[in-house]
């Protein structure tokens, strides 16, 4: 009573098809495929490192302003 032969698997497959029907099995397969695809997309989006947005430099019409000072706005992470 070790491993199952091909005949055991074919009988199990036949019983499953008889119970659920081919249309319901096809719908379950497409739903499962969509769920796996959504999970992979979610994992890909979550693992990508976020690149910080470049701050917009503020242009001043005053030429006498100190060139070494950078005026930026701090952002909070949410």
N, C-alpha and C. Protein backbone atom coordinates (compact mmCIF):
# COMPACT_ATOMS: atom_id res chain seq x y z
N UNK A 1 0.84 -1.18 0.00
CA UNK A 1 0.00 0.00 0.00
C UNK A 1 0.88 1.24 0.00
N UNK A 2 1.78 1.30 -0.95
CA UNK A 2 2.72 2.41 -1.05
C UNK A 2 2.16 3.55 -1.89
N UNK A 3 2.76 3.76 -3.05
CA UNK A 3 2.34 4.87 -3.90
C UNK A 3 1.11 4.48 -4.73
N UNK A 4 0.43 5.49 -5.20
CA UNK A 4 -0.76 5.25 -6.02
C UNK A 4 -0.37 5.13 -7.48
N UNK A 5 -0.97 4.21 -8.18
CA UNK A 5 -0.66 4.02 -9.60
C UNK A 5 -1.46 5.00 -10.44
N UNK A 6 -1.19 5.00 -11.73
CA UNK A 6 -1.90 5.88 -12.66
C UNK A 6 -3.39 5.57 -12.68
N UNK A 7 -3.77 4.31 -12.48
CA UNK A 7 -5.18 3.93 -12.50
C UNK A 7 -5.92 4.53 -11.31
N UNK A 8 -5.27 4.61 -10.16
CA UNK A 8 -5.91 5.23 -9.00
C UNK A 8 -6.18 6.71 -9.26
N UNK A 9 -5.19 7.41 -9.87
CA UNK A 9 -5.35 8.83 -10.16
C UNK A 9 -6.44 9.05 -11.21
N UNK A 10 -6.53 8.19 -12.20
CA UNK A 10 -7.58 8.33 -13.21
C UNK A 10 -8.97 8.13 -12.62
N UNK A 11 -9.12 7.19 -11.70
CA UNK A 11 -10.41 6.98 -11.05
C UNK A 11 -10.78 8.18 -10.18
N UNK A 12 -9.80 8.72 -9.46
CA UNK A 12 -10.06 9.92 -8.64
C UNK A 12 -10.46 11.09 -9.53
N UNK A 13 -9.76 11.28 -10.66
CA UNK A 13 -10.10 12.35 -11.59
C UNK A 13 -11.51 12.17 -12.15
N UNK A 14 -11.87 10.95 -12.51
CA UNK A 14 -13.21 10.68 -13.03
C UNK A 14 -14.29 10.99 -11.99
N UNK A 15 -14.06 10.62 -10.75
CA UNK A 15 -15.03 10.90 -9.69
C UNK A 15 -15.17 12.41 -9.47
N UNK A 16 -14.05 13.13 -9.48
CA UNK A 16 -14.09 14.59 -9.29
C UNK A 16 -14.86 15.25 -10.43
N UNK A 17 -14.62 14.82 -11.66
CA UNK A 17 -15.34 15.39 -12.81
C UNK A 17 -16.83 15.08 -12.73
N UNK A 18 -17.16 13.89 -12.29
CA UNK A 18 -18.57 13.52 -12.16
C UNK A 18 -19.27 14.33 -11.07
N UNK A 19 -18.58 14.62 -9.99
CA UNK A 19 -19.19 15.37 -8.88
C UNK A 19 -19.33 16.85 -9.23
N UNK A 20 -18.25 17.46 -9.70
CA UNK A 20 -18.26 18.91 -9.90
C UNK A 20 -18.67 19.33 -11.31
N UNK A 21 -18.40 18.54 -12.30
CA UNK A 21 -18.69 18.92 -13.68
C UNK A 21 -17.55 19.72 -14.27
N UNK A 22 -17.45 19.69 -15.60
CA UNK A 22 -16.32 20.35 -16.26
C UNK A 22 -16.41 21.87 -16.20
N UNK A 23 -17.62 22.42 -16.26
CA UNK A 23 -17.76 23.88 -16.25
C UNK A 23 -17.32 24.46 -14.91
N UNK A 24 -17.73 23.83 -13.83
CA UNK A 24 -17.35 24.33 -12.51
C UNK A 24 -15.84 24.18 -12.28
N UNK A 25 -15.26 23.08 -12.76
CA UNK A 25 -13.81 22.89 -12.63
C UNK A 25 -13.05 23.93 -13.44
N UNK A 26 -13.56 24.27 -14.63
CA UNK A 26 -12.92 25.30 -15.45
C UNK A 26 -12.98 26.66 -14.76
N UNK A 27 -14.12 26.98 -14.16
CA UNK A 27 -14.26 28.24 -13.44
C UNK A 27 -13.32 28.29 -12.23
N UNK A 28 -13.23 27.17 -11.50
CA UNK A 28 -12.33 27.14 -10.34
C UNK A 28 -10.87 27.29 -10.79
N UNK A 29 -10.52 26.70 -11.92
CA UNK A 29 -9.15 26.81 -12.43
C UNK A 29 -8.81 28.23 -12.83
N UNK A 30 -9.74 28.92 -13.49
CA UNK A 30 -9.47 30.30 -13.89
C UNK A 30 -9.43 31.22 -12.67
N UNK A 31 -10.28 30.96 -11.68
CA UNK A 31 -10.24 31.75 -10.45
C UNK A 31 -8.92 31.56 -9.71
N UNK A 32 -8.46 30.32 -9.66
CA UNK A 32 -7.18 30.03 -9.00
C UNK A 32 -6.03 30.69 -9.75
N UNK A 33 -6.06 30.64 -11.07
CA UNK A 33 -5.01 31.29 -11.87
C UNK A 33 -5.01 32.80 -11.67
N UNK A 34 -6.18 33.41 -11.60
CA UNK A 34 -6.25 34.86 -11.35
C UNK A 34 -5.74 35.22 -9.98
N UNK A 35 -6.02 34.37 -9.00
CA UNK A 35 -5.54 34.64 -7.64
C UNK A 35 -4.01 34.54 -7.57
N UNK A 36 -3.46 33.55 -8.25
CA UNK A 36 -1.99 33.39 -8.26
C UNK A 36 -1.35 34.58 -8.97
N UNK A 37 -1.93 35.02 -10.07
CA UNK A 37 -1.39 36.17 -10.80
C UNK A 37 -1.47 37.43 -9.96
N UNK A 38 -2.58 37.64 -9.27
CA UNK A 38 -2.71 38.80 -8.38
C UNK A 38 -1.71 38.75 -7.24
N UNK A 39 -1.47 37.57 -6.69
CA UNK A 39 -0.49 37.42 -5.62
C UNK A 39 0.91 37.75 -6.12
N UNK A 40 1.27 37.26 -7.30
CA UNK A 40 2.60 37.54 -7.85
C UNK A 40 2.77 39.03 -8.13
N UNK A 41 1.73 39.68 -8.67
CA UNK A 41 1.80 41.12 -8.91
C UNK A 41 1.95 41.89 -7.61
N UNK A 42 1.23 41.46 -6.58
CA UNK A 42 1.34 42.11 -5.28
C UNK A 42 2.71 41.95 -4.67
N UNK A 43 3.30 40.78 -4.82
CA UNK A 43 4.64 40.56 -4.29
C UNK A 43 5.67 41.36 -5.06
N UNK A 44 5.48 41.50 -6.37
CA UNK A 44 6.42 42.27 -7.19
C UNK A 44 6.34 43.75 -6.82
N UNK A 45 5.12 44.26 -6.62
CA UNK A 45 4.95 45.67 -6.26
C UNK A 45 5.48 45.95 -4.86
N UNK A 46 5.31 45.03 -3.95
CA UNK A 46 5.74 45.25 -2.57
C UNK A 46 7.23 45.14 -2.38
N UNK A 47 7.93 44.39 -3.24
CA UNK A 47 9.36 44.19 -3.05
C UNK A 47 10.20 45.23 -3.77
N UNK A 48 9.59 46.03 -4.64
CA UNK A 48 10.36 47.03 -5.37
C UNK A 48 10.73 48.18 -4.43
N UNK A 49 12.01 48.54 -4.39
CA UNK A 49 12.41 49.64 -3.53
C UNK A 49 11.86 50.96 -4.05
N UNK A 50 11.41 51.76 -3.13
CA UNK A 50 10.85 53.06 -3.52
C UNK A 50 11.99 54.03 -3.79
N UNK A 51 11.90 54.72 -4.91
CA UNK A 51 12.90 55.74 -5.22
C UNK A 51 12.34 57.08 -4.77
N UNK A 52 13.12 57.83 -4.00
CA UNK A 52 12.61 59.12 -3.53
C UNK A 52 12.47 60.09 -4.69
N UNK A 53 11.42 60.86 -4.63
CA UNK A 53 11.18 61.85 -5.67
C UNK A 53 12.16 63.00 -5.53
N UNK A 54 12.64 63.49 -6.65
CA UNK A 54 13.59 64.61 -6.62
C UNK A 54 12.84 65.86 -6.19
N UNK A 55 13.41 66.61 -5.24
CA UNK A 55 12.73 67.83 -4.79
C UNK A 55 12.76 68.88 -5.90
N UNK A 56 11.67 69.61 -5.98
CA UNK A 56 11.58 70.68 -6.97
C UNK A 56 12.36 71.89 -6.46
N UNK A 57 13.37 72.32 -7.20
CA UNK A 57 14.12 73.50 -6.74
C UNK A 57 13.26 74.74 -6.89
N UNK A 58 13.34 75.59 -5.89
CA UNK A 58 12.59 76.84 -5.94
C UNK A 58 13.46 77.90 -6.59
N UNK A 59 12.94 78.48 -7.63
CA UNK A 59 13.68 79.49 -8.37
C UNK A 59 13.42 80.84 -7.73
N UNK A 60 14.49 81.51 -7.44
CA UNK A 60 14.38 82.82 -6.81
C UNK A 60 14.81 83.87 -7.81
N UNK A 61 14.09 84.97 -7.83
CA UNK A 61 14.45 86.06 -8.74
C UNK A 61 15.54 86.94 -8.12
N UNK A 62 15.84 86.68 -6.84
CA UNK A 62 16.87 87.45 -6.15
C UNK A 62 18.22 86.78 -6.40
N UNK A 63 19.11 87.45 -7.14
CA UNK A 63 20.43 86.89 -7.46
C UNK A 63 21.40 86.97 -6.29
N UNK A 64 21.09 87.75 -5.27
CA UNK A 64 22.01 87.90 -4.15
C UNK A 64 21.83 86.80 -3.10
N UNK A 65 20.94 85.83 -3.35
CA UNK A 65 20.70 84.74 -2.40
C UNK A 65 21.93 83.84 -2.32
N UNK A 66 22.14 83.25 -1.15
CA UNK A 66 23.27 82.36 -0.93
C UNK A 66 23.08 81.10 -1.77
N UNK A 67 24.04 80.74 -2.62
CA UNK A 67 23.93 79.61 -3.53
C UNK A 67 24.13 78.27 -2.82
N UNK A 68 24.70 78.25 -1.59
CA UNK A 68 24.95 76.99 -0.91
C UNK A 68 23.76 76.51 -0.09
N UNK A 69 22.73 77.33 0.05
CA UNK A 69 21.56 76.96 0.83
C UNK A 69 20.53 76.30 -0.09
N UNK A 70 20.01 75.16 0.34
CA UNK A 70 18.99 74.46 -0.42
C UNK A 70 17.70 74.49 0.39
N UNK A 71 16.65 74.97 -0.23
CA UNK A 71 15.35 75.05 0.44
C UNK A 71 14.51 73.86 -0.02
N UNK A 72 14.23 72.94 0.92
CA UNK A 72 13.41 71.76 0.59
C UNK A 72 12.28 71.63 1.61
N UNK A 73 11.30 70.88 1.24
CA UNK A 73 10.16 70.63 2.13
C UNK A 73 10.24 69.17 2.61
N UNK A 74 10.15 68.97 3.92
CA UNK A 74 10.20 67.62 4.48
C UNK A 74 8.86 66.93 4.28
N UNK A 75 8.91 65.63 3.97
CA UNK A 75 7.70 64.86 3.78
C UNK A 75 7.67 63.73 4.81
N UNK A 76 6.48 63.43 5.29
CA UNK A 76 6.34 62.35 6.24
C UNK A 76 5.98 61.07 5.50
N UNK A 77 6.56 59.95 5.97
CA UNK A 77 6.21 58.66 5.38
C UNK A 77 4.90 58.20 5.99
N UNK A 78 4.07 57.62 5.16
CA UNK A 78 2.80 57.11 5.69
C UNK A 78 2.73 55.63 5.57
